[in-house]
Amino acid sequence: MELYHGRPADCTGRLEKEIRCYDLLDSLGVSYQRVDHPAAMTMEACLEIDKALGALICKNLLLCNRQQTAFYLLLLPGEKQFRTSVLSKIIGSSRLSFASGEHMERLLDITPGSLSVLGLMNDHENRVQLLVDTDVLEEEFFGCHPCINTSSLRFSVADLMEKVIPAMGHSPRLVTLPVEEEK
């Protein structure tokens, strides 16, 4: 896998939602690197991408309450396990579960397997609350998809927290999920 700096020189054949990600990062003056790769549908597939990027690829989980009236995008390190019951208590929400692919598409214009914090730029009604595990903040670089799972980006965690998230009109809620012990 080759590491490129910035957007593709030729965006022919790329989806509009991917190009909007590059436009956002460029407009904010965020320096980023990119790796193009086959579709990465699992965290296991992201391990090789992690190495090429030299960045933490986060798990991005779209969750909702039982009534499907409150939605949360949780960012946590890829290797970190969590239980919905623990997170429910931390954020004071009724029992959480994974949101459907339909919710993902309707709220963030992202299909399953491509979920990314950058999808929040499509959440114009601020229906999705961003939750960031504090372990993410311990890293220098952050890796995510540009709203499609055939490319991955790397940029600084500082740029994520200080430029990108505020520009998308969201305020992150920091959470500290416990490390699950292996049984």
N, C-alpha and C. Protein backbone atom coordinates (compact mmCIF):
# COMPACT_ATOMS: atom_id res chain seq x y z
N MET A 1 0.84 -1.19 0.00
CA MET A 1 0.00 0.00 0.00
C MET A 1 0.87 1.24 0.00
N GLU A 2 0.51 2.15 -0.84
CA GLU A 2 1.28 3.39 -0.97
C GLU A 2 0.62 4.51 -0.18
N LEU A 3 1.45 5.29 0.50
CA LEU A 3 0.98 6.43 1.27
C LEU A 3 1.08 7.69 0.42
N TYR A 4 -0.05 8.36 0.22
CA TYR A 4 -0.10 9.59 -0.56
C TYR A 4 -0.35 10.77 0.37
N HIS A 5 0.08 11.94 -0.05
CA HIS A 5 -0.19 13.16 0.71
C HIS A 5 -1.37 13.87 0.06
N GLY A 6 -2.43 14.07 0.84
CA GLY A 6 -3.59 14.80 0.36
C GLY A 6 -4.51 14.01 -0.52
N ARG A 7 -5.38 14.74 -1.18
CA ARG A 7 -6.43 14.16 -2.02
C ARG A 7 -5.84 13.50 -3.27
N PRO A 8 -6.63 12.62 -3.91
CA PRO A 8 -6.17 12.03 -5.17
C PRO A 8 -6.00 13.12 -6.23
N ALA A 9 -5.00 12.99 -7.08
CA ALA A 9 -4.78 13.95 -8.15
C ALA A 9 -5.96 13.94 -9.12
N ASP A 10 -6.54 12.78 -9.32
CA ASP A 10 -7.70 12.63 -10.21
C ASP A 10 -8.83 11.98 -9.42
N CYS A 11 -9.92 12.68 -9.23
CA CYS A 11 -11.05 12.16 -8.44
C CYS A 11 -12.10 11.48 -9.31
N THR A 12 -11.78 11.23 -10.57
CA THR A 12 -12.71 10.54 -11.46
C THR A 12 -13.07 9.18 -10.86
N GLY A 13 -14.35 8.89 -10.81
CA GLY A 13 -14.80 7.61 -10.29
C GLY A 13 -14.96 7.56 -8.78
N ARG A 14 -14.60 8.62 -8.09
CA ARG A 14 -14.75 8.67 -6.64
C ARG A 14 -16.12 9.24 -6.29
N LEU A 15 -16.69 8.76 -5.20
CA LEU A 15 -18.01 9.23 -4.79
C LEU A 15 -17.95 10.67 -4.28
N GLU A 16 -19.04 11.38 -4.49
CA GLU A 16 -19.13 12.78 -4.05
C GLU A 16 -18.89 12.91 -2.55
N LYS A 17 -19.41 11.97 -1.75
CA LYS A 17 -19.22 12.07 -0.30
C LYS A 17 -17.75 11.93 0.09
N GLU A 18 -16.97 11.17 -0.67
CA GLU A 18 -15.54 11.07 -0.43
C GLU A 18 -14.86 12.40 -0.78
N ILE A 19 -15.21 12.97 -1.90
CA ILE A 19 -14.62 14.24 -2.33
C ILE A 19 -14.95 15.35 -1.33
N ARG A 20 -16.17 15.33 -0.77
CA ARG A 20 -16.54 16.33 0.25
C ARG A 20 -15.63 16.24 1.48
N CYS A 21 -15.17 15.04 1.81
CA CYS A 21 -14.24 14.88 2.94
C CYS A 21 -12.92 15.59 2.65
N TYR A 22 -12.40 15.39 1.44
CA TYR A 22 -11.16 16.07 1.06
C TYR A 22 -11.35 17.57 1.04
N ASP A 23 -12.51 18.02 0.51
CA ASP A 23 -12.80 19.45 0.47
C ASP A 23 -12.81 20.04 1.89
N LEU A 24 -13.44 19.32 2.82
CA LEU A 24 -13.51 19.80 4.21
C LEU A 24 -12.11 19.93 4.80
N LEU A 25 -11.32 18.87 4.70
CA LEU A 25 -9.97 18.88 5.29
C LEU A 25 -9.11 19.96 4.65
N ASP A 26 -9.19 20.09 3.32
CA ASP A 26 -8.41 21.11 2.63
C ASP A 26 -8.83 22.52 3.06
N SER A 27 -10.13 22.74 3.20
CA SER A 27 -10.63 24.07 3.58
C SER A 27 -10.18 24.46 4.99
N LEU A 28 -9.93 23.46 5.83
CA LEU A 28 -9.50 23.72 7.21
C LEU A 28 -7.98 23.79 7.34
N GLY A 29 -7.27 23.54 6.25
CA GLY A 29 -5.81 23.53 6.30
C GLY A 29 -5.25 22.33 7.05
N VAL A 30 -5.99 21.24 7.05
CA VAL A 30 -5.54 20.01 7.73
C VAL A 30 -4.63 19.23 6.79
N SER A 31 -3.43 18.94 7.26
CA SER A 31 -2.50 18.11 6.52
C SER A 31 -2.87 16.65 6.75
N TYR A 32 -3.02 15.88 5.67
CA TYR A 32 -3.43 14.48 5.83
C TYR A 32 -2.75 13.61 4.78
N GLN A 33 -2.63 12.35 5.13
CA GLN A 33 -2.09 11.34 4.23
C GLN A 33 -3.22 10.37 3.91
N ARG A 34 -3.09 9.66 2.79
CA ARG A 34 -4.14 8.77 2.31
C ARG A 34 -3.54 7.46 1.81
N VAL A 35 -4.25 6.39 2.07
CA VAL A 35 -3.93 5.08 1.52
C VAL A 35 -5.18 4.57 0.82
N ASP A 36 -5.05 4.13 -0.43
CA ASP A 36 -6.15 3.49 -1.14
C ASP A 36 -5.96 1.98 -1.02
N HIS A 37 -7.05 1.25 -0.87
CA HIS A 37 -6.96 -0.19 -0.59
C HIS A 37 -8.27 -0.87 -0.95
N PRO A 38 -8.26 -2.21 -0.99
CA PRO A 38 -9.53 -2.92 -1.19
C PRO A 38 -10.49 -2.61 -0.03
N ALA A 39 -11.77 -2.81 -0.24
CA ALA A 39 -12.77 -2.53 0.79
C ALA A 39 -12.38 -3.19 2.11
N ALA A 40 -12.37 -2.40 3.17
CA ALA A 40 -12.04 -2.88 4.52
C ALA A 40 -13.34 -2.95 5.32
N MET A 41 -13.86 -4.15 5.50
CA MET A 41 -15.15 -4.32 6.16
C MET A 41 -15.03 -4.67 7.63
N THR A 42 -13.84 -5.03 8.09
CA THR A 42 -13.66 -5.45 9.48
C THR A 42 -12.44 -4.77 10.09
N MET A 43 -12.36 -4.81 11.42
CA MET A 43 -11.18 -4.26 12.10
C MET A 43 -9.94 -5.07 11.74
N GLU A 44 -10.09 -6.36 11.50
CA GLU A 44 -8.95 -7.19 11.11
C GLU A 44 -8.36 -6.70 9.78
N ALA A 45 -9.25 -6.34 8.86
CA ALA A 45 -8.78 -5.82 7.56
C ALA A 45 -8.06 -4.50 7.74
N CYS A 46 -8.40 -3.77 8.79
CA CYS A 46 -7.78 -2.46 9.02
C CYS A 46 -6.39 -2.55 9.63
N LEU A 47 -5.99 -3.72 10.13
CA LEU A 47 -4.67 -3.85 10.77
C LEU A 47 -3.54 -3.53 9.80
N GLU A 48 -3.62 -4.04 8.58
CA GLU A 48 -2.59 -3.76 7.58
C GLU A 48 -2.61 -2.29 7.19
N ILE A 49 -3.79 -1.73 7.12
CA ILE A 49 -3.94 -0.31 6.80
C ILE A 49 -3.33 0.54 7.92
N ASP A 50 -3.56 0.12 9.17
CA ASP A 50 -2.94 0.80 10.32
C ASP A 50 -1.44 0.94 10.13
N LYS A 51 -0.82 -0.17 9.72
CA LYS A 51 0.64 -0.18 9.56
C LYS A 51 1.07 0.78 8.45
N ALA A 52 0.35 0.76 7.34
CA ALA A 52 0.70 1.64 6.21
C ALA A 52 0.53 3.10 6.58
N LEU A 53 -0.52 3.40 7.34
CA LEU A 53 -0.79 4.79 7.73
C LEU A 53 0.07 5.26 8.90
N GLY A 54 0.45 4.33 9.76
CA GLY A 54 1.14 4.72 10.99
C GLY A 54 0.21 5.51 11.90
N ALA A 55 -1.05 5.07 11.98
CA ALA A 55 -2.04 5.77 12.78
C ALA A 55 -3.02 4.77 13.38
N LEU A 56 -3.63 5.18 14.46
CA LEU A 56 -4.67 4.39 15.10
C LEU A 56 -5.94 4.48 14.26
N ILE A 57 -6.39 3.33 13.77
CA ILE A 57 -7.70 3.28 13.11
C ILE A 57 -8.70 2.97 14.22
N CYS A 58 -9.65 3.85 14.38
CA CYS A 58 -10.63 3.69 15.46
C CYS A 58 -11.79 2.83 15.02
N LYS A 59 -12.37 2.16 16.01
CA LYS A 59 -13.68 1.58 15.81
C LYS A 59 -14.64 2.75 15.82
N ASN A 60 -15.54 2.76 14.87
CA ASN A 60 -16.60 3.77 14.78
C ASN A 60 -17.90 3.01 14.89
N LEU A 61 -18.63 3.23 15.95
CA LEU A 61 -19.87 2.49 16.18
C LEU A 61 -21.03 3.46 16.28
N LEU A 62 -22.06 3.20 15.49
CA LEU A 62 -23.27 4.01 15.57
C LEU A 62 -24.25 3.26 16.46
N LEU A 63 -24.61 3.91 17.54
CA LEU A 63 -25.47 3.31 18.56
C LEU A 63 -26.74 4.14 18.70
N CYS A 64 -27.78 3.51 19.25
CA CYS A 64 -29.01 4.24 19.51
C CYS A 64 -29.66 3.71 20.78
N ASN A 65 -30.55 4.52 21.33
CA ASN A 65 -31.28 4.06 22.51
C ASN A 65 -32.39 3.11 22.05
N ARG A 66 -33.06 2.52 23.01
CA ARG A 66 -34.09 1.52 22.71
C ARG A 66 -35.19 2.09 21.81
N GLN A 67 -35.54 3.35 22.04
CA GLN A 67 -36.62 3.99 21.29
C GLN A 67 -36.16 4.47 19.90
N GLN A 68 -34.88 4.39 19.63
CA GLN A 68 -34.29 4.87 18.38
C GLN A 68 -34.58 6.36 18.16
N THR A 69 -34.46 7.11 19.27
CA THR A 69 -34.66 8.56 19.22
C THR A 69 -33.37 9.32 19.52
N ALA A 70 -32.40 8.65 20.10
CA ALA A 70 -31.10 9.26 20.40
C ALA A 70 -30.02 8.39 19.75
N PHE A 71 -29.10 9.07 19.04
CA PHE A 71 -28.06 8.35 18.30
C PHE A 71 -26.69 8.84 18.75
N TYR A 72 -25.73 7.91 18.78
CA TYR A 72 -24.38 8.20 19.26
C TYR A 72 -23.37 7.57 18.31
N LEU A 73 -22.35 8.34 17.96
CA LEU A 73 -21.21 7.80 17.22
C LEU A 73 -20.07 7.67 18.21
N LEU A 74 -19.67 6.45 18.50
CA LEU A 74 -18.60 6.17 19.46
C LEU A 74 -17.31 5.90 18.73
N LEU A 75 -16.24 6.65 19.07
CA LEU A 75 -14.89 6.39 18.57
C LEU A 75 -14.09 5.79 19.70
N LEU A 76 -13.50 4.63 19.45
CA LEU A 76 -12.62 4.01 20.44
C LEU A 76 -11.54 3.25 19.71
N PRO A 77 -10.40 3.03 20.39
CA PRO A 77 -9.31 2.28 19.74
C PRO A 77 -9.80 0.93 19.24
N GLY A 78 -9.29 0.51 18.10
CA GLY A 78 -9.75 -0.70 17.44
C GLY A 78 -9.66 -1.95 18.29
N GLU A 79 -8.66 -2.04 19.15
CA GLU A 79 -8.49 -3.26 19.94
C GLU A 79 -9.27 -3.23 21.25
N LYS A 80 -9.87 -2.10 21.57
CA LYS A 80 -10.57 -1.97 22.84
C LYS A 80 -11.98 -2.53 22.73
N GLN A 81 -12.32 -3.38 23.66
CA GLN A 81 -13.66 -3.95 23.73
C GLN A 81 -14.53 -3.07 24.61
N PHE A 82 -15.83 -3.15 24.40
CA PHE A 82 -16.74 -2.42 25.28
C PHE A 82 -18.06 -3.16 25.35
N ARG A 83 -18.81 -2.84 26.38
CA ARG A 83 -20.16 -3.39 26.53
C ARG A 83 -21.14 -2.24 26.50
N THR A 84 -22.22 -2.44 25.76
CA THR A 84 -23.21 -1.37 25.65
C THR A 84 -23.80 -1.02 27.01
N SER A 85 -23.93 -1.99 27.91
CA SER A 85 -24.50 -1.70 29.22
C SER A 85 -23.62 -0.75 30.02
N VAL A 86 -22.31 -0.88 29.89
CA VAL A 86 -21.38 0.01 30.59
C VAL A 86 -21.48 1.43 30.02
N LEU A 87 -21.46 1.53 28.69
CA LEU A 87 -21.57 2.85 28.06
C LEU A 87 -22.91 3.49 28.38
N SER A 88 -23.98 2.71 28.41
CA SER A 88 -25.31 3.24 28.76
C SER A 88 -25.28 3.93 30.11
N LYS A 89 -24.63 3.30 31.07
CA LYS A 89 -24.54 3.89 32.42
C LYS A 89 -23.70 5.17 32.40
N ILE A 90 -22.60 5.15 31.67
CA ILE A 90 -21.69 6.30 31.63
C ILE A 90 -22.41 7.53 31.06
N ILE A 91 -23.18 7.34 30.01
CA ILE A 91 -23.81 8.50 29.36
C ILE A 91 -25.24 8.74 29.82
N GLY A 92 -25.75 7.87 30.69
CA GLY A 92 -27.09 8.07 31.22
C GLY A 92 -28.19 7.91 30.18
N SER A 93 -28.02 6.93 29.30
CA SER A 93 -29.01 6.67 28.26
C SER A 93 -29.65 5.32 28.53
N SER A 94 -30.90 5.19 28.06
CA SER A 94 -31.52 3.87 28.18
C SER A 94 -30.69 2.88 27.37
N ARG A 95 -30.96 1.66 27.56
CA ARG A 95 -30.18 0.58 26.94
C ARG A 95 -29.81 0.88 25.49
N LEU A 96 -28.54 0.82 25.20
CA LEU A 96 -28.03 1.10 23.85
C LEU A 96 -27.94 -0.18 23.03
N SER A 97 -28.10 -0.01 21.73
CA SER A 97 -27.87 -1.10 20.79
C SER A 97 -27.27 -0.49 19.53
N PHE A 98 -26.87 -1.35 18.61
CA PHE A 98 -26.30 -0.86 17.36
C PHE A 98 -27.43 -0.33 16.46
N ALA A 99 -27.19 0.82 15.89
CA ALA A 99 -28.17 1.41 14.97
C ALA A 99 -28.11 0.65 13.64
N SER A 100 -29.19 0.71 12.92
CA SER A 100 -29.29 0.00 11.64
C SER A 100 -28.51 0.70 10.54
N GLY A 101 -28.26 -0.04 9.48
CA GLY A 101 -27.64 0.53 8.30
C GLY A 101 -28.48 1.65 7.70
N GLU A 102 -29.79 1.52 7.82
CA GLU A 102 -30.69 2.56 7.32
C GLU A 102 -30.49 3.86 8.09
N HIS A 103 -30.33 3.75 9.41
CA HIS A 103 -30.05 4.95 10.21
C HIS A 103 -28.72 5.57 9.81
N MET A 104 -27.73 4.73 9.59
CA MET A 104 -26.40 5.20 9.20
C MET A 104 -26.48 6.01 7.90
N GLU A 105 -27.22 5.47 6.94
CA GLU A 105 -27.34 6.16 5.65
C GLU A 105 -28.16 7.44 5.77
N ARG A 106 -29.26 7.38 6.52
CA ARG A 106 -30.15 8.54 6.64
C ARG A 106 -29.50 9.67 7.41
N LEU A 107 -28.81 9.34 8.51
CA LEU A 107 -28.24 10.37 9.39
C LEU A 107 -26.88 10.88 8.92
N LEU A 108 -26.04 9.98 8.37
CA LEU A 108 -24.65 10.33 8.09
C LEU A 108 -24.24 10.16 6.62
N ASP A 109 -25.15 9.67 5.78
CA ASP A 109 -24.85 9.41 4.37
C ASP A 109 -23.65 8.46 4.21
N ILE A 110 -23.67 7.41 5.04
CA ILE A 110 -22.59 6.42 5.02
C ILE A 110 -23.21 5.03 5.04
N THR A 111 -22.61 4.12 4.28
CA THR A 111 -23.08 2.74 4.27
C THR A 111 -22.30 1.92 5.29
N PRO A 112 -22.90 0.83 5.79
CA PRO A 112 -22.19 -0.03 6.74
C PRO A 112 -20.82 -0.44 6.20
N GLY A 113 -19.84 -0.44 7.09
CA GLY A 113 -18.46 -0.76 6.72
C GLY A 113 -17.64 0.47 6.40
N SER A 114 -18.30 1.62 6.26
CA SER A 114 -17.61 2.87 5.92
C SER A 114 -17.79 3.93 6.99
N LEU A 115 -18.36 3.57 8.13
CA LEU A 115 -18.66 4.55 9.17
C LEU A 115 -17.40 5.31 9.57
N SER A 116 -17.54 6.62 9.69
CA SER A 116 -16.40 7.49 9.97
C SER A 116 -16.87 8.75 10.68
N VAL A 117 -16.01 9.29 11.51
CA VAL A 117 -16.31 10.56 12.16
C VAL A 117 -16.58 11.64 11.11
N LEU A 118 -15.99 11.53 9.94
CA LEU A 118 -16.20 12.53 8.90
C LEU A 118 -17.64 12.54 8.40
N GLY A 119 -18.38 11.49 8.64
CA GLY A 119 -19.80 11.46 8.28
C GLY A 119 -20.62 12.49 9.04
N LEU A 120 -20.09 12.98 10.16
CA LEU A 120 -20.82 13.99 10.92
C LEU A 120 -21.03 15.27 10.11
N MET A 121 -20.23 15.48 9.07
CA MET A 121 -20.45 16.67 8.24
C MET A 121 -21.77 16.57 7.49
N ASN A 122 -22.35 15.38 7.40
CA ASN A 122 -23.64 15.18 6.75
C ASN A 122 -24.80 15.21 7.74
N ASP A 123 -24.50 15.35 9.01
CA ASP A 123 -25.52 15.39 10.07
C ASP A 123 -25.90 16.85 10.34
N HIS A 124 -26.61 17.44 9.42
CA HIS A 124 -26.93 18.87 9.50
C HIS A 124 -27.90 19.20 10.63
N GLU A 125 -28.65 18.22 11.09
CA GLU A 125 -29.61 18.45 12.18
C GLU A 125 -29.04 18.11 13.55
N ASN A 126 -27.76 17.74 13.60
CA ASN A 126 -27.10 17.36 14.86
C ASN A 126 -27.89 16.29 15.62
N ARG A 127 -28.29 15.26 14.91
CA ARG A 127 -29.03 14.16 15.52
C ARG A 127 -28.10 13.16 16.20
N VAL A 128 -26.81 13.18 15.82
CA VAL A 128 -25.86 12.20 16.34
C VAL A 128 -24.90 12.87 17.31
N GLN A 129 -24.85 12.35 18.54
CA GLN A 129 -23.91 12.85 19.55
C GLN A 129 -22.60 12.08 19.40
N LEU A 130 -21.50 12.80 19.29
CA LEU A 130 -20.18 12.18 19.17
C LEU A 130 -19.64 11.85 20.55
N LEU A 131 -19.26 10.59 20.74
CA LEU A 131 -18.62 10.11 21.96
C LEU A 131 -17.20 9.68 21.61
N VAL A 132 -16.22 10.20 22.31
CA VAL A 132 -14.82 9.87 22.02
C VAL A 132 -14.20 9.26 23.28
N ASP A 133 -13.74 8.02 23.16
CA ASP A 133 -13.04 7.39 24.28
C ASP A 133 -11.73 8.14 24.50
N THR A 134 -11.41 8.43 25.76
CA THR A 134 -10.23 9.23 26.07
C THR A 134 -8.93 8.58 25.60
N ASP A 135 -8.92 7.27 25.40
CA ASP A 135 -7.70 6.61 24.90
C ASP A 135 -7.35 7.10 23.49
N VAL A 136 -8.33 7.52 22.72
CA VAL A 136 -8.07 8.05 21.38
C VAL A 136 -7.19 9.29 21.47
N LEU A 137 -7.38 10.08 22.52
CA LEU A 137 -6.64 11.34 22.68
C LEU A 137 -5.18 11.12 23.05
N GLU A 138 -4.82 9.91 23.41
CA GLU A 138 -3.45 9.58 23.79
C GLU A 138 -2.54 9.40 22.58
N GLU A 139 -3.15 9.24 21.41
CA GLU A 139 -2.39 9.01 20.18
C GLU A 139 -2.01 10.33 19.52
N GLU A 140 -0.96 10.31 18.71
CA GLU A 140 -0.58 11.50 17.95
C GLU A 140 -1.43 11.64 16.68
N PHE A 141 -1.68 10.49 16.02
CA PHE A 141 -2.41 10.49 14.77
C PHE A 141 -3.69 9.69 14.87
N PHE A 142 -4.61 10.04 14.01
CA PHE A 142 -5.94 9.45 13.97
C PHE A 142 -6.16 8.95 12.54
N GLY A 143 -6.74 7.79 12.40
CA GLY A 143 -7.03 7.27 11.08
C GLY A 143 -8.52 7.01 10.92
N CYS A 144 -9.05 7.31 9.75
CA CYS A 144 -10.47 7.07 9.48
C CYS A 144 -10.69 6.97 7.98
N HIS A 145 -11.86 6.51 7.61
CA HIS A 145 -12.25 6.46 6.21
C HIS A 145 -12.81 7.83 5.79
N PRO A 146 -12.65 8.20 4.53
CA PRO A 146 -13.30 9.41 4.02
C PRO A 146 -14.73 9.09 3.53
N CYS A 147 -15.52 8.50 4.43
CA CYS A 147 -16.92 8.13 4.17
C CYS A 147 -17.09 7.00 3.16
N ILE A 148 -16.00 6.35 2.80
CA ILE A 148 -16.02 5.14 1.98
C ILE A 148 -14.91 4.24 2.52
N ASN A 149 -15.03 2.93 2.32
CA ASN A 149 -14.05 2.03 2.95
C ASN A 149 -12.99 1.50 1.99
N THR A 150 -12.73 2.24 0.92
CA THR A 150 -11.65 1.85 -0.01
C THR A 150 -10.49 2.83 0.05
N SER A 151 -10.54 3.74 0.98
CA SER A 151 -9.43 4.66 1.28
C SER A 151 -9.43 4.90 2.78
N SER A 152 -8.28 5.24 3.30
CA SER A 152 -8.16 5.61 4.71
C SER A 152 -7.26 6.82 4.81
N LEU A 153 -7.54 7.66 5.79
CA LEU A 153 -6.81 8.91 5.97
C LEU A 153 -6.13 8.93 7.32
N ARG A 154 -5.04 9.71 7.40
CA ARG A 154 -4.34 9.95 8.65
C ARG A 154 -4.15 11.44 8.81
N PHE A 155 -4.51 11.94 9.99
CA PHE A 155 -4.22 13.32 10.35
C PHE A 155 -4.08 13.38 11.86
N SER A 156 -3.63 14.50 12.37
CA SER A 156 -3.33 14.57 13.79
C SER A 156 -4.60 14.58 14.63
N VAL A 157 -4.50 13.99 15.81
CA VAL A 157 -5.60 14.02 16.77
C VAL A 157 -5.92 15.47 17.14
N ALA A 158 -4.88 16.30 17.22
CA ALA A 158 -5.10 17.73 17.53
C ALA A 158 -5.98 18.36 16.46
N ASP A 159 -5.71 18.09 15.18
CA ASP A 159 -6.55 18.63 14.11
C ASP A 159 -7.97 18.08 14.19
N LEU A 160 -8.10 16.80 14.52
CA LEU A 160 -9.43 16.21 14.68
C LEU A 160 -10.24 16.97 15.72
N MET A 161 -9.63 17.17 16.90
CA MET A 161 -10.36 17.77 18.02
C MET A 161 -10.51 19.28 17.91
N GLU A 162 -9.50 19.96 17.34
CA GLU A 162 -9.50 21.42 17.32
C GLU A 162 -10.05 22.04 16.04
N LYS A 163 -10.00 21.30 14.93
CA LYS A 163 -10.45 21.85 13.66
C LYS A 163 -11.63 21.09 13.05
N VAL A 164 -11.45 19.79 12.86
CA VAL A 164 -12.41 19.01 12.09
C VAL A 164 -13.76 18.90 12.80
N ILE A 165 -13.76 18.43 14.04
CA ILE A 165 -15.03 18.24 14.74
C ILE A 165 -15.77 19.57 14.93
N PRO A 166 -15.10 20.64 15.37
CA PRO A 166 -15.83 21.91 15.48
C PRO A 166 -16.39 22.40 14.14
N ALA A 167 -15.65 22.19 13.04
CA ALA A 167 -16.12 22.64 11.73
C ALA A 167 -17.37 21.88 11.28
N MET A 168 -17.55 20.67 11.79
CA MET A 168 -18.74 19.89 11.44
C MET A 168 -19.92 20.24 12.34
N GLY A 169 -19.70 21.17 13.29
CA GLY A 169 -20.79 21.61 14.15
C GLY A 169 -21.16 20.65 15.26
N HIS A 170 -20.21 19.84 15.68
CA HIS A 170 -20.46 18.89 16.76
C HIS A 170 -19.51 19.15 17.92
N SER A 171 -19.97 18.82 19.10
CA SER A 171 -19.14 18.91 20.30
C SER A 171 -18.98 17.50 20.84
N PRO A 172 -17.75 17.03 20.91
CA PRO A 172 -17.56 15.66 21.39
C PRO A 172 -17.79 15.56 22.90
N ARG A 173 -18.30 14.44 23.31
CA ARG A 173 -18.39 14.11 24.73
C ARG A 173 -17.33 13.05 24.98
N LEU A 174 -16.41 13.36 25.89
CA LEU A 174 -15.35 12.40 26.20
C LEU A 174 -15.87 11.38 27.19
N VAL A 175 -15.56 10.12 26.93
CA VAL A 175 -15.94 9.03 27.82
C VAL A 175 -14.71 8.17 28.06
N THR A 176 -14.65 7.57 29.21
CA THR A 176 -13.55 6.65 29.52
C THR A 176 -14.15 5.27 29.74
N LEU A 177 -13.99 4.44 28.73
CA LEU A 177 -14.49 3.07 28.83
C LEU A 177 -13.43 2.20 29.48
N PRO A 178 -13.85 1.34 30.39
CA PRO A 178 -12.87 0.47 31.05
C PRO A 178 -12.29 -0.55 30.07
N VAL A 179 -11.07 -0.96 30.35
CA VAL A 179 -10.44 -2.02 29.55
C VAL A 179 -11.04 -3.33 30.03
N GLU A 180 -11.60 -4.08 29.11
CA GLU A 180 -12.20 -5.38 29.44
C GLU A 180 -11.09 -6.40 29.62
N GLU A 181 -11.17 -7.12 30.72
CA GLU A 181 -10.18 -8.18 30.99
C GLU A 181 -10.50 -9.40 30.13
N GLU A 182 -9.46 -10.02 29.59
CA GLU A 182 -9.65 -11.26 28.82
C GLU A 182 -9.99 -12.38 29.77
N LYS A 183 -10.91 -13.22 29.35
CA LYS A 183 -11.33 -14.34 30.21
C LYS A 183 -10.69 -15.62 29.81
